[in-house]
């Protein structure tokens, strides 16, 4: 299946920040999924 997750910022503009997505499975370390530069121009995939 597919799923869309959202990350919403409450105050400051999220577009001015690098944003990374991570995940942590039970009993495992947190690992990176992907990140995107401020403005979204560059994406790096784990």
ModelCIF file with pLDDT and N, C-alpha, C, O atoms, coordinates in Angstrom:
data_MODEL
#
_entry.id   MODEL 
#
_entity.id                         1 
_entity.type                       polymer 
_entity.pdbx_number_of_molecules   1 
#
_entity_poly.entity_id                      1 
_entity_poly.type                           'polypeptide(L)' 
_entity_poly.nstd_linkage                   no 
_entity_poly.nstd_monomer                   no 
_entity_poly.pdbx_seq_one_letter_code       
;(UNK)(UNK)(UNK)(UNK)(UNK)(UNK)(UNK)(UNK)(UNK)(UNK)(UNK)(UNK)(UNK)(UNK)(UNK)(UNK)
(UNK)(UNK)(UNK)(UNK)(UNK)(UNK)(UNK)(UNK)(UNK)(UNK)(UNK)(UNK)(UNK)(UNK)(UNK)(UNK)
(UNK)(UNK)(UNK)(UNK)(UNK)(UNK)(UNK)(UNK)(UNK)(UNK)(UNK)(UNK)(UNK)(UNK)
;
_entity_poly.pdbx_seq_one_letter_code_can   XXXXXXXXXXXXXXXXXXXXXXXXXXXXXXXXXXXXXXXXXXXXXX 
_entity_poly.pdbx_strand_id                 A 
#
loop_
_entity_poly_seq.entity_id 
_entity_poly_seq.num 
_entity_poly_seq.mon_id 
_entity_poly_seq.hetero 
1 1  UNK n 
1 2  UNK n 
1 3  UNK n 
1 4  UNK n 
1 5  UNK n 
1 6  UNK n 
1 7  UNK n 
1 8  UNK n 
1 9  UNK n 
1 10 UNK n 
1 11 UNK n 
1 12 UNK n 
1 13 UNK n 
1 14 UNK n 
1 15 UNK n 
1 16 UNK n 
1 17 UNK n 
1 18 UNK n 
1 19 UNK n 
1 20 UNK n 
1 21 UNK n 
1 22 UNK n 
1 23 UNK n 
1 24 UNK n 
1 25 UNK n 
1 26 UNK n 
1 27 UNK n 
1 28 UNK n 
1 29 UNK n 
1 30 UNK n 
1 31 UNK n 
1 32 UNK n 
1 33 UNK n 
1 34 UNK n 
1 35 UNK n 
1 36 UNK n 
1 37 UNK n 
1 38 UNK n 
1 39 UNK n 
1 40 UNK n 
1 41 UNK n 
1 42 UNK n 
1 43 UNK n 
1 44 UNK n 
1 45 UNK n 
1 46 UNK n 
#
_struct_asym.id          A 
_struct_asym.entity_id   1 
#
loop_
_ma_qa_metric.id 
_ma_qa_metric.mode 
_ma_qa_metric.name 
_ma_qa_metric.software_group_id 
_ma_qa_metric.type 
1 global pLDDT . pLDDT 
2 local  pLDDT . pLDDT 
#
_ma_qa_metric_global.metric_id      1 
_ma_qa_metric_global.metric_value   94.50 
_ma_qa_metric_global.model_id       1 
_ma_qa_metric_global.ordinal_id     1 
#
loop_
_ma_qa_metric_local.label_asym_id 
_ma_qa_metric_local.label_comp_id 
_ma_qa_metric_local.label_seq_id 
_ma_qa_metric_local.metric_id 
_ma_qa_metric_local.metric_value 
_ma_qa_metric_local.model_id 
_ma_qa_metric_local.ordinal_id 
A UNK 1  2 97.00 1 1  
A UNK 2  2 97.00 1 2  
A UNK 3  2 97.00 1 3  
A UNK 4  2 98.00 1 4  
A UNK 5  2 98.00 1 5  
A UNK 6  2 98.00 1 6  
A UNK 7  2 98.00 1 7  
A UNK 8  2 98.00 1 8  
A UNK 9  2 96.00 1 9  
A UNK 10 2 89.00 1 10 
A UNK 11 2 82.00 1 11 
A UNK 12 2 91.00 1 12 
A UNK 13 2 94.00 1 13 
A UNK 14 2 95.00 1 14 
A UNK 15 2 94.00 1 15 
A UNK 16 2 94.00 1 16 
A UNK 17 2 96.00 1 17 
A UNK 18 2 96.00 1 18 
A UNK 19 2 97.00 1 19 
A UNK 20 2 97.00 1 20 
A UNK 21 2 98.00 1 21 
A UNK 22 2 98.00 1 22 
A UNK 23 2 97.00 1 23 
A UNK 24 2 97.00 1 24 
A UNK 25 2 97.00 1 25 
A UNK 26 2 93.00 1 26 
A UNK 27 2 94.00 1 27 
A UNK 28 2 96.00 1 28 
A UNK 29 2 95.00 1 29 
A UNK 30 2 96.00 1 30 
A UNK 31 2 96.00 1 31 
A UNK 32 2 96.00 1 32 
A UNK 33 2 97.00 1 33 
A UNK 34 2 97.00 1 34 
A UNK 35 2 96.00 1 35 
A UNK 36 2 96.00 1 36 
A UNK 37 2 94.00 1 37 
A UNK 38 2 93.00 1 38 
A UNK 39 2 86.00 1 39 
A UNK 40 2 83.00 1 40 
A UNK 41 2 86.00 1 41 
A UNK 42 2 91.00 1 42 
A UNK 43 2 92.00 1 43 
A UNK 44 2 94.00 1 44 
A UNK 45 2 94.00 1 45 
A UNK 46 2 93.00 1 46 
#
loop_
_atom_site.group_PDB 
_atom_site.id 
_atom_site.type_symbol 
_atom_site.label_atom_id 
_atom_site.label_alt_id 
_atom_site.label_comp_id 
_atom_site.label_asym_id 
_atom_site.label_entity_id 
_atom_site.label_seq_id 
_atom_site.pdbx_PDB_ins_code 
_atom_site.Cartn_x 
_atom_site.Cartn_y 
_atom_site.Cartn_z 
_atom_site.occupancy 
_atom_site.B_iso_or_equiv 
_atom_site.pdbx_formal_charge 
_atom_site.auth_seq_id 
_atom_site.auth_comp_id 
_atom_site.auth_asym_id 
_atom_site.auth_atom_id 
_atom_site.pdbx_PDB_model_num 
ATOM 1   N N  . UNK A 1 1  ? 0.803  -1.211 0.000  1.00 97.00 ? 1  UNK A N  1 
ATOM 2   C CA . UNK A 1 1  ? 0.000  0.000  0.000  1.00 97.00 ? 1  UNK A CA 1 
ATOM 3   C C  . UNK A 1 1  ? 0.841  1.267  0.000  1.00 97.00 ? 1  UNK A C  1 
ATOM 4   O O  . UNK A 1 1  ? 2.070  1.229  0.051  1.00 97.00 ? 1  UNK A O  1 
ATOM 5   N N  . UNK A 1 2  ? 0.141  2.379  -0.059 1.00 97.00 ? 2  UNK A N  1 
ATOM 6   C CA . UNK A 1 2  ? 0.773  3.704  -0.085 1.00 97.00 ? 2  UNK A CA 1 
ATOM 7   C C  . UNK A 1 2  ? 0.232  4.562  1.039  1.00 97.00 ? 2  UNK A C  1 
ATOM 8   O O  . UNK A 1 2  ? -0.838 4.304  1.591  1.00 97.00 ? 2  UNK A O  1 
ATOM 9   N N  . UNK A 1 3  ? 0.996  5.584  1.360  1.00 97.00 ? 3  UNK A N  1 
ATOM 10  C CA . UNK A 1 3  ? 0.610  6.459  2.458  1.00 97.00 ? 3  UNK A CA 1 
ATOM 11  C C  . UNK A 1 3  ? 1.267  7.813  2.255  1.00 97.00 ? 3  UNK A C  1 
ATOM 12  O O  . UNK A 1 3  ? 2.383  7.897  1.741  1.00 97.00 ? 3  UNK A O  1 
ATOM 13  N N  . UNK A 1 4  ? 0.580  8.866  2.656  1.00 98.00 ? 4  UNK A N  1 
ATOM 14  C CA . UNK A 1 4  ? 1.171  10.207 2.645  1.00 98.00 ? 4  UNK A CA 1 
ATOM 15  C C  . UNK A 1 4  ? 1.255  10.719 4.076  1.00 98.00 ? 4  UNK A C  1 
ATOM 16  O O  . UNK A 1 4  ? 0.251  10.792 4.785  1.00 98.00 ? 4  UNK A O  1 
ATOM 17  N N  . UNK A 1 5  ? 2.437  11.063 4.478  1.00 98.00 ? 5  UNK A N  1 
ATOM 18  C CA . UNK A 1 5  ? 2.655  11.658 5.794  1.00 98.00 ? 5  UNK A CA 1 
ATOM 19  C C  . UNK A 1 5  ? 2.866  13.160 5.625  1.00 98.00 ? 5  UNK A C  1 
ATOM 20  O O  . UNK A 1 5  ? 3.379  13.620 4.605  1.00 98.00 ? 5  UNK A O  1 
ATOM 21  N N  . UNK A 1 6  ? 2.460  13.908 6.641  1.00 98.00 ? 6  UNK A N  1 
ATOM 22  C CA . UNK A 1 6  ? 2.603  15.359 6.615  1.00 98.00 ? 6  UNK A CA 1 
ATOM 23  C C  . UNK A 1 6  ? 3.473  15.826 7.766  1.00 98.00 ? 6  UNK A C  1 
ATOM 24  O O  . UNK A 1 6  ? 3.453  15.249 8.853  1.00 98.00 ? 6  UNK A O  1 
ATOM 25  N N  . UNK A 1 7  ? 4.228  16.866 7.516  1.00 98.00 ? 7  UNK A N  1 
ATOM 26  C CA . UNK A 1 7  ? 5.022  17.532 8.546  1.00 98.00 ? 7  UNK A CA 1 
ATOM 27  C C  . UNK A 1 7  ? 4.661  19.006 8.459  1.00 98.00 ? 7  UNK A C  1 
ATOM 28  O O  . UNK A 1 7  ? 4.990  19.674 7.479  1.00 98.00 ? 7  UNK A O  1 
ATOM 29  N N  . UNK A 1 8  ? 3.989  19.510 9.476  1.00 98.00 ? 8  UNK A N  1 
ATOM 30  C CA . UNK A 1 8  ? 3.512  20.887 9.460  1.00 98.00 ? 8  UNK A CA 1 
ATOM 31  C C  . UNK A 1 8  ? 4.202  21.699 10.546 1.00 98.00 ? 8  UNK A C  1 
ATOM 32  O O  . UNK A 1 8  ? 4.338  21.257 11.686 1.00 98.00 ? 8  UNK A O  1 
ATOM 33  N N  . UNK A 1 9  ? 4.632  22.889 10.167 1.00 96.00 ? 9  UNK A N  1 
ATOM 34  C CA . UNK A 1 9  ? 5.253  23.808 11.115 1.00 96.00 ? 9  UNK A CA 1 
ATOM 35  C C  . UNK A 1 9  ? 4.208  24.801 11.612 1.00 96.00 ? 9  UNK A C  1 
ATOM 36  O O  . UNK A 1 9  ? 3.366  25.270 10.847 1.00 96.00 ? 9  UNK A O  1 
ATOM 37  N N  . UNK A 1 10 ? 4.275  25.109 12.890 1.00 89.00 ? 10 UNK A N  1 
ATOM 38  C CA . UNK A 1 10 ? 3.219  25.925 13.489 1.00 89.00 ? 10 UNK A CA 1 
ATOM 39  C C  . UNK A 1 10 ? 3.466  27.409 13.366 1.00 89.00 ? 10 UNK A C  1 
ATOM 40  O O  . UNK A 1 10 ? 2.518  28.193 13.398 1.00 89.00 ? 10 UNK A O  1 
ATOM 41  N N  . UNK A 1 11 ? 4.729  27.822 13.224 1.00 82.00 ? 11 UNK A N  1 
ATOM 42  C CA . UNK A 1 11 ? 4.967  29.259 13.254 1.00 82.00 ? 11 UNK A CA 1 
ATOM 43  C C  . UNK A 1 11 ? 5.871  29.691 12.107 1.00 82.00 ? 11 UNK A C  1 
ATOM 44  O O  . UNK A 1 11 ? 5.380  30.254 11.128 1.00 82.00 ? 11 UNK A O  1 
ATOM 45  N N  . UNK A 1 12 ? 7.151  29.452 12.193 1.00 91.00 ? 12 UNK A N  1 
ATOM 46  C CA . UNK A 1 12 ? 8.104  29.931 11.202 1.00 91.00 ? 12 UNK A CA 1 
ATOM 47  C C  . UNK A 1 12 ? 7.907  29.191 9.881  1.00 91.00 ? 12 UNK A C  1 
ATOM 48  O O  . UNK A 1 12 ? 7.343  28.098 9.840  1.00 91.00 ? 12 UNK A O  1 
ATOM 49  N N  . UNK A 1 13 ? 8.387  29.815 8.800  1.00 94.00 ? 13 UNK A N  1 
ATOM 50  C CA . UNK A 1 13 ? 8.218  29.235 7.475  1.00 94.00 ? 13 UNK A CA 1 
ATOM 51  C C  . UNK A 1 13 ? 9.114  28.017 7.291  1.00 94.00 ? 13 UNK A C  1 
ATOM 52  O O  . UNK A 1 13 ? 10.340 28.123 7.330  1.00 94.00 ? 13 UNK A O  1 
ATOM 53  N N  . UNK A 1 14 ? 8.489  26.858 7.091  1.00 95.00 ? 14 UNK A N  1 
ATOM 54  C CA . UNK A 1 14 ? 9.248  25.624 6.917  1.00 95.00 ? 14 UNK A CA 1 
ATOM 55  C C  . UNK A 1 14 ? 10.045 25.631 5.620  1.00 95.00 ? 14 UNK A C  1 
ATOM 56  O O  . UNK A 1 14 ? 11.018 24.888 5.490  1.00 95.00 ? 14 UNK A O  1 
ATOM 57  N N  . UNK A 1 15 ? 9.653  26.442 4.680  1.00 94.00 ? 15 UNK A N  1 
ATOM 58  C CA . UNK A 1 15 ? 10.345 26.504 3.401  1.00 94.00 ? 15 UNK A CA 1 
ATOM 59  C C  . UNK A 1 15 ? 11.761 27.059 3.535  1.00 94.00 ? 15 UNK A C  1 
ATOM 60  O O  . UNK A 1 15 ? 12.567 26.906 2.617  1.00 94.00 ? 15 UNK A O  1 
ATOM 61  N N  . UNK A 1 16 ? 12.074 27.690 4.645  1.00 94.00 ? 16 UNK A N  1 
ATOM 62  C CA . UNK A 1 16 ? 13.407 28.257 4.855  1.00 94.00 ? 16 UNK A CA 1 
ATOM 63  C C  . UNK A 1 16 ? 14.359 27.266 5.523  1.00 94.00 ? 16 UNK A C  1 
ATOM 64  O O  . UNK A 1 16 ? 15.508 27.600 5.811  1.00 94.00 ? 16 UNK A O  1 
ATOM 65  N N  . UNK A 1 17 ? 13.883 26.061 5.765  1.00 96.00 ? 17 UNK A N  1 
ATOM 66  C CA . UNK A 1 17 ? 14.676 25.069 6.481  1.00 96.00 ? 17 UNK A CA 1 
ATOM 67  C C  . UNK A 1 17 ? 14.931 23.823 5.633  1.00 96.00 ? 17 UNK A C  1 
ATOM 68  O O  . UNK A 1 17 ? 14.126 23.456 4.778  1.00 96.00 ? 17 UNK A O  1 
ATOM 69  N N  . UNK A 1 18 ? 16.055 23.193 5.890  1.00 96.00 ? 18 UNK A N  1 
ATOM 70  C CA . UNK A 1 18 ? 16.272 21.828 5.423  1.00 96.00 ? 18 UNK A CA 1 
ATOM 71  C C  . UNK A 1 18 ? 15.314 20.932 6.215  1.00 96.00 ? 18 UNK A C  1 
ATOM 72  O O  . UNK A 1 18 ? 15.184 21.081 7.430  1.00 96.00 ? 18 UNK A O  1 
ATOM 73  N N  . UNK A 1 19 ? 14.654 20.019 5.536  1.00 97.00 ? 19 UNK A N  1 
ATOM 74  C CA . UNK A 1 19 ? 13.750 19.085 6.208  1.00 97.00 ? 19 UNK A CA 1 
ATOM 75  C C  . UNK A 1 19 ? 14.195 17.657 5.920  1.00 97.00 ? 19 UNK A C  1 
ATOM 76  O O  . UNK A 1 19 ? 14.438 17.278 4.774  1.00 97.00 ? 19 UNK A O  1 
ATOM 77  N N  . UNK A 1 20 ? 14.293 16.888 6.977  1.00 97.00 ? 20 UNK A N  1 
ATOM 78  C CA . UNK A 1 20 ? 14.623 15.475 6.839  1.00 97.00 ? 20 UNK A CA 1 
ATOM 79  C C  . UNK A 1 20 ? 13.512 14.612 7.397  1.00 97.00 ? 20 UNK A C  1 
ATOM 80  O O  . UNK A 1 20 ? 12.828 14.987 8.350  1.00 97.00 ? 20 UNK A O  1 
ATOM 81  N N  . UNK A 1 21 ? 13.343 13.456 6.792  1.00 98.00 ? 21 UNK A N  1 
ATOM 82  C CA . UNK A 1 21 ? 12.418 12.448 7.303  1.00 98.00 ? 21 UNK A CA 1 
ATOM 83  C C  . UNK A 1 21 ? 13.234 11.256 7.784  1.00 98.00 ? 21 UNK A C  1 
ATOM 84  O O  . UNK A 1 21 ? 14.140 10.785 7.097  1.00 98.00 ? 21 UNK A O  1 
ATOM 85  N N  . UNK A 1 22 ? 12.898 10.782 8.965  1.00 98.00 ? 22 UNK A N  1 
ATOM 86  C CA . UNK A 1 22 ? 13.569 9.646  9.576  1.00 98.00 ? 22 UNK A CA 1 
ATOM 87  C C  . UNK A 1 22 ? 12.515 8.645  10.044 1.00 98.00 ? 22 UNK A C  1 
ATOM 88  O O  . UNK A 1 22 ? 11.332 8.972  10.148 1.00 98.00 ? 22 UNK A O  1 
ATOM 89  N N  . UNK A 1 23 ? 12.956 7.445  10.320 1.00 97.00 ? 23 UNK A N  1 
ATOM 90  C CA . UNK A 1 23 ? 12.040 6.470  10.896 1.00 97.00 ? 23 UNK A CA 1 
ATOM 91  C C  . UNK A 1 23 ? 12.779 5.619  11.913 1.00 97.00 ? 23 UNK A C  1 
ATOM 92  O O  . UNK A 1 23 ? 13.993 5.435  11.828 1.00 97.00 ? 23 UNK A O  1 
ATOM 93  N N  . UNK A 1 24 ? 12.029 5.107  12.872 1.00 97.00 ? 24 UNK A N  1 
ATOM 94  C CA . UNK A 1 24 ? 12.615 4.261  13.895 1.00 97.00 ? 24 UNK A CA 1 
ATOM 95  C C  . UNK A 1 24 ? 11.689 3.086  14.153 1.00 97.00 ? 24 UNK A C  1 
ATOM 96  O O  . UNK A 1 24 ? 10.581 3.246  14.664 1.00 97.00 ? 24 UNK A O  1 
ATOM 97  N N  . UNK A 1 25 ? 12.160 1.914  13.794 1.00 97.00 ? 25 UNK A N  1 
ATOM 98  C CA . UNK A 1 25 ? 11.422 0.677  14.035 1.00 97.00 ? 25 UNK A CA 1 
ATOM 99  C C  . UNK A 1 25 ? 11.699 0.190  15.451 1.00 97.00 ? 25 UNK A C  1 
ATOM 100 O O  . UNK A 1 25 ? 12.700 0.580  16.053 1.00 97.00 ? 25 UNK A O  1 
ATOM 101 N N  . UNK A 1 26 ? 10.830 -0.654 15.990 1.00 93.00 ? 26 UNK A N  1 
ATOM 102 C CA . UNK A 1 26 ? 11.040 -1.163 17.347 1.00 93.00 ? 26 UNK A CA 1 
ATOM 103 C C  . UNK A 1 26 ? 12.417 -1.794 17.508 1.00 93.00 ? 26 UNK A C  1 
ATOM 104 O O  . UNK A 1 26 ? 12.822 -2.637 16.708 1.00 93.00 ? 26 UNK A O  1 
ATOM 105 N N  . UNK A 1 27 ? 13.116 -1.386 18.530 1.00 94.00 ? 27 UNK A N  1 
ATOM 106 C CA . UNK A 1 27 ? 14.418 -1.934 18.904 1.00 94.00 ? 27 UNK A CA 1 
ATOM 107 C C  . UNK A 1 27 ? 15.494 -1.687 17.849 1.00 94.00 ? 27 UNK A C  1 
ATOM 108 O O  . UNK A 1 27 ? 16.497 -2.399 17.807 1.00 94.00 ? 27 UNK A O  1 
ATOM 109 N N  . UNK A 1 28 ? 15.292 -0.694 17.011 1.00 96.00 ? 28 UNK A N  1 
ATOM 110 C CA . UNK A 1 28 ? 16.296 -0.340 16.016 1.00 96.00 ? 28 UNK A CA 1 
ATOM 111 C C  . UNK A 1 28 ? 16.643 1.135  16.139 1.00 96.00 ? 28 UNK A C  1 
ATOM 112 O O  . UNK A 1 28 ? 15.908 1.918  16.741 1.00 96.00 ? 28 UNK A O  1 
ATOM 113 N N  . UNK A 1 29 ? 17.777 1.495  15.557 1.00 95.00 ? 29 UNK A N  1 
ATOM 114 C CA . UNK A 1 29 ? 18.171 2.897  15.596 1.00 95.00 ? 29 UNK A CA 1 
ATOM 115 C C  . UNK A 1 29 ? 17.365 3.708  14.578 1.00 95.00 ? 29 UNK A C  1 
ATOM 116 O O  . UNK A 1 29 ? 16.862 3.183  13.585 1.00 95.00 ? 29 UNK A O  1 
ATOM 117 N N  . UNK A 1 30 ? 17.267 4.978  14.860 1.00 96.00 ? 30 UNK A N  1 
ATOM 118 C CA . UNK A 1 30 ? 16.585 5.882  13.934 1.00 96.00 ? 30 UNK A CA 1 
ATOM 119 C C  . UNK A 1 30 ? 17.426 5.996  12.652 1.00 96.00 ? 30 UNK A C  1 
ATOM 120 O O  . UNK A 1 30 ? 18.638 6.205  12.711 1.00 96.00 ? 30 UNK A O  1 
ATOM 121 N N  . UNK A 1 31 ? 16.769 5.857  11.503 1.00 96.00 ? 31 UNK A N  1 
ATOM 122 C CA . UNK A 1 31 ? 17.481 5.927  10.237 1.00 96.00 ? 31 UNK A CA 1 
ATOM 123 C C  . UNK A 1 31 ? 16.841 6.962  9.318  1.00 96.00 ? 31 UNK A C  1 
ATOM 124 O O  . UNK A 1 31 ? 15.647 7.249  9.409  1.00 96.00 ? 31 UNK A O  1 
ATOM 125 N N  . UNK A 1 32 ? 17.668 7.513  8.429  1.00 96.00 ? 32 UNK A N  1 
ATOM 126 C CA . UNK A 1 32 ? 17.171 8.538  7.531  1.00 96.00 ? 32 UNK A CA 1 
ATOM 127 C C  . UNK A 1 32 ? 16.445 7.968  6.336  1.00 96.00 ? 32 UNK A C  1 
ATOM 128 O O  . UNK A 1 32 ? 16.866 6.958  5.773  1.00 96.00 ? 32 UNK A O  1 
ATOM 129 N N  . UNK A 1 33 ? 15.362 8.601  5.947  1.00 97.00 ? 33 UNK A N  1 
ATOM 130 C CA . UNK A 1 33 ? 14.590 8.211  4.762  1.00 97.00 ? 33 UNK A CA 1 
ATOM 131 C C  . UNK A 1 33 ? 14.963 9.126  3.596  1.00 97.00 ? 33 UNK A C  1 
ATOM 132 O O  . UNK A 1 33 ? 15.333 8.644  2.526  1.00 97.00 ? 33 UNK A O  1 
ATOM 133 N N  . UNK A 1 34 ? 14.870 10.409 3.791  1.00 97.00 ? 34 UNK A N  1 
ATOM 134 C CA . UNK A 1 34 ? 15.314 11.378 2.794  1.00 97.00 ? 34 UNK A CA 1 
ATOM 135 C C  . UNK A 1 34 ? 15.402 12.748 3.425  1.00 97.00 ? 34 UNK A C  1 
ATOM 136 O O  . UNK A 1 34 ? 14.899 12.973 4.526  1.00 97.00 ? 34 UNK A O  1 
ATOM 137 N N  . UNK A 1 35 ? 16.048 13.666 2.717  1.00 96.00 ? 35 UNK A N  1 
ATOM 138 C CA . UNK A 1 35 ? 16.059 15.067 3.149  1.00 96.00 ? 35 UNK A CA 1 
ATOM 139 C C  . UNK A 1 35 ? 15.953 15.958 1.925  1.00 96.00 ? 35 UNK A C  1 
ATOM 140 O O  . UNK A 1 35 ? 16.253 15.539 0.807  1.00 96.00 ? 35 UNK A O  1 
ATOM 141 N N  . UNK A 1 36 ? 15.526 17.186 2.151  1.00 96.00 ? 36 UNK A N  1 
ATOM 142 C CA . UNK A 1 36 ? 15.374 18.144 1.070  1.00 96.00 ? 36 UNK A CA 1 
ATOM 143 C C  . UNK A 1 36 ? 15.882 19.494 1.538  1.00 96.00 ? 36 UNK A C  1 
ATOM 144 O O  . UNK A 1 36 ? 15.636 19.902 2.672  1.00 96.00 ? 36 UNK A O  1 
ATOM 145 N N  . UNK A 1 37 ? 16.596 20.186 0.654  1.00 94.00 ? 37 UNK A N  1 
ATOM 146 C CA . UNK A 1 37 ? 17.143 21.486 1.015  1.00 94.00 ? 37 UNK A CA 1 
ATOM 147 C C  . UNK A 1 37 ? 16.030 22.520 1.178  1.00 94.00 ? 37 UNK A C  1 
ATOM 148 O O  . UNK A 1 37 ? 14.903 22.299 0.734  1.00 94.00 ? 37 UNK A O  1 
ATOM 149 N N  . UNK A 1 38 ? 16.342 23.626 1.803  1.00 93.00 ? 38 UNK A N  1 
ATOM 150 C CA . UNK A 1 38 ? 15.391 24.727 1.936  1.00 93.00 ? 38 UNK A CA 1 
ATOM 151 C C  . UNK A 1 38 ? 14.904 25.126 0.553  1.00 93.00 ? 38 UNK A C  1 
ATOM 152 O O  . UNK A 1 38 ? 15.708 25.318 -0.360 1.00 93.00 ? 38 UNK A O  1 
ATOM 153 N N  . UNK A 1 39 ? 13.603 25.252 0.395  1.00 86.00 ? 39 UNK A N  1 
ATOM 154 C CA . UNK A 1 39 ? 13.041 25.523 -0.922 1.00 86.00 ? 39 UNK A CA 1 
ATOM 155 C C  . UNK A 1 39 ? 12.784 24.280 -1.745 1.00 86.00 ? 39 UNK A C  1 
ATOM 156 O O  . UNK A 1 39 ? 12.067 24.340 -2.744 1.00 86.00 ? 39 UNK A O  1 
ATOM 157 N N  . UNK A 1 40 ? 13.351 23.158 -1.349 1.00 83.00 ? 40 UNK A N  1 
ATOM 158 C CA . UNK A 1 40 ? 13.074 21.890 -2.008 1.00 83.00 ? 40 UNK A CA 1 
ATOM 159 C C  . UNK A 1 40 ? 13.837 21.606 -3.277 1.00 83.00 ? 40 UNK A C  1 
ATOM 160 O O  . UNK A 1 40 ? 13.467 20.695 -4.017 1.00 83.00 ? 40 UNK A O  1 
ATOM 161 N N  . UNK A 1 41 ? 14.902 22.361 -3.560 1.00 86.00 ? 41 UNK A N  1 
ATOM 162 C CA . UNK A 1 41 ? 15.593 22.190 -4.822 1.00 86.00 ? 41 UNK A CA 1 
ATOM 163 C C  . UNK A 1 41 ? 16.388 20.911 -4.948 1.00 86.00 ? 41 UNK A C  1 
ATOM 164 O O  . UNK A 1 41 ? 16.555 20.396 -6.054 1.00 86.00 ? 41 UNK A O  1 
ATOM 165 N N  . UNK A 1 42 ? 16.878 20.391 -3.850 1.00 91.00 ? 42 UNK A N  1 
ATOM 166 C CA . UNK A 1 42 ? 17.723 19.198 -3.865 1.00 91.00 ? 42 UNK A CA 1 
ATOM 167 C C  . UNK A 1 42 ? 17.137 18.185 -2.889 1.00 91.00 ? 42 UNK A C  1 
ATOM 168 O O  . UNK A 1 42 ? 16.726 18.541 -1.785 1.00 91.00 ? 42 UNK A O  1 
ATOM 169 N N  . UNK A 1 43 ? 17.102 16.938 -3.297 1.00 92.00 ? 43 UNK A N  1 
ATOM 170 C CA . UNK A 1 43 ? 16.620 15.853 -2.456 1.00 92.00 ? 43 UNK A CA 1 
ATOM 171 C C  . UNK A 1 43 ? 17.710 14.789 -2.382 1.00 92.00 ? 43 UNK A C  1 
ATOM 172 O O  . UNK A 1 43 ? 18.315 14.422 -3.389 1.00 92.00 ? 43 UNK A O  1 
ATOM 173 N N  . UNK A 1 44 ? 17.943 14.310 -1.184 1.00 94.00 ? 44 UNK A N  1 
ATOM 174 C CA . UNK A 1 44 ? 18.900 13.220 -0.975 1.00 94.00 ? 44 UNK A CA 1 
ATOM 175 C C  . UNK A 1 44 ? 18.147 12.058 -0.350 1.00 94.00 ? 44 UNK A C  1 
ATOM 176 O O  . UNK A 1 44 ? 17.441 12.219 0.646  1.00 94.00 ? 44 UNK A O  1 
ATOM 177 N N  . UNK A 1 45 ? 18.309 10.868 -0.957 1.00 94.00 ? 45 UNK A N  1 
ATOM 178 C CA . UNK A 1 45 ? 17.575 9.697  -0.501 1.00 94.00 ? 45 UNK A CA 1 
ATOM 179 C C  . UNK A 1 45 ? 18.469 8.767  0.292  1.00 94.00 ? 45 UNK A C  1 
ATOM 180 O O  . UNK A 1 45 ? 19.606 8.493  -0.094 1.00 94.00 ? 45 UNK A O  1 
ATOM 181 N N  . UNK A 1 46 ? 17.940 8.286  1.407  1.00 93.00 ? 46 UNK A N  1 
ATOM 182 C CA . UNK A 1 46 ? 18.612 7.235  2.132  1.00 93.00 ? 46 UNK A CA 1 
ATOM 183 C C  . UNK A 1 46 ? 18.395 5.899  1.442  1.00 93.00 ? 46 UNK A C  1 
ATOM 184 O O  . UNK A 1 46 ? 18.892 4.875  1.909  1.00 93.00 ? 46 UNK A O  1 
#
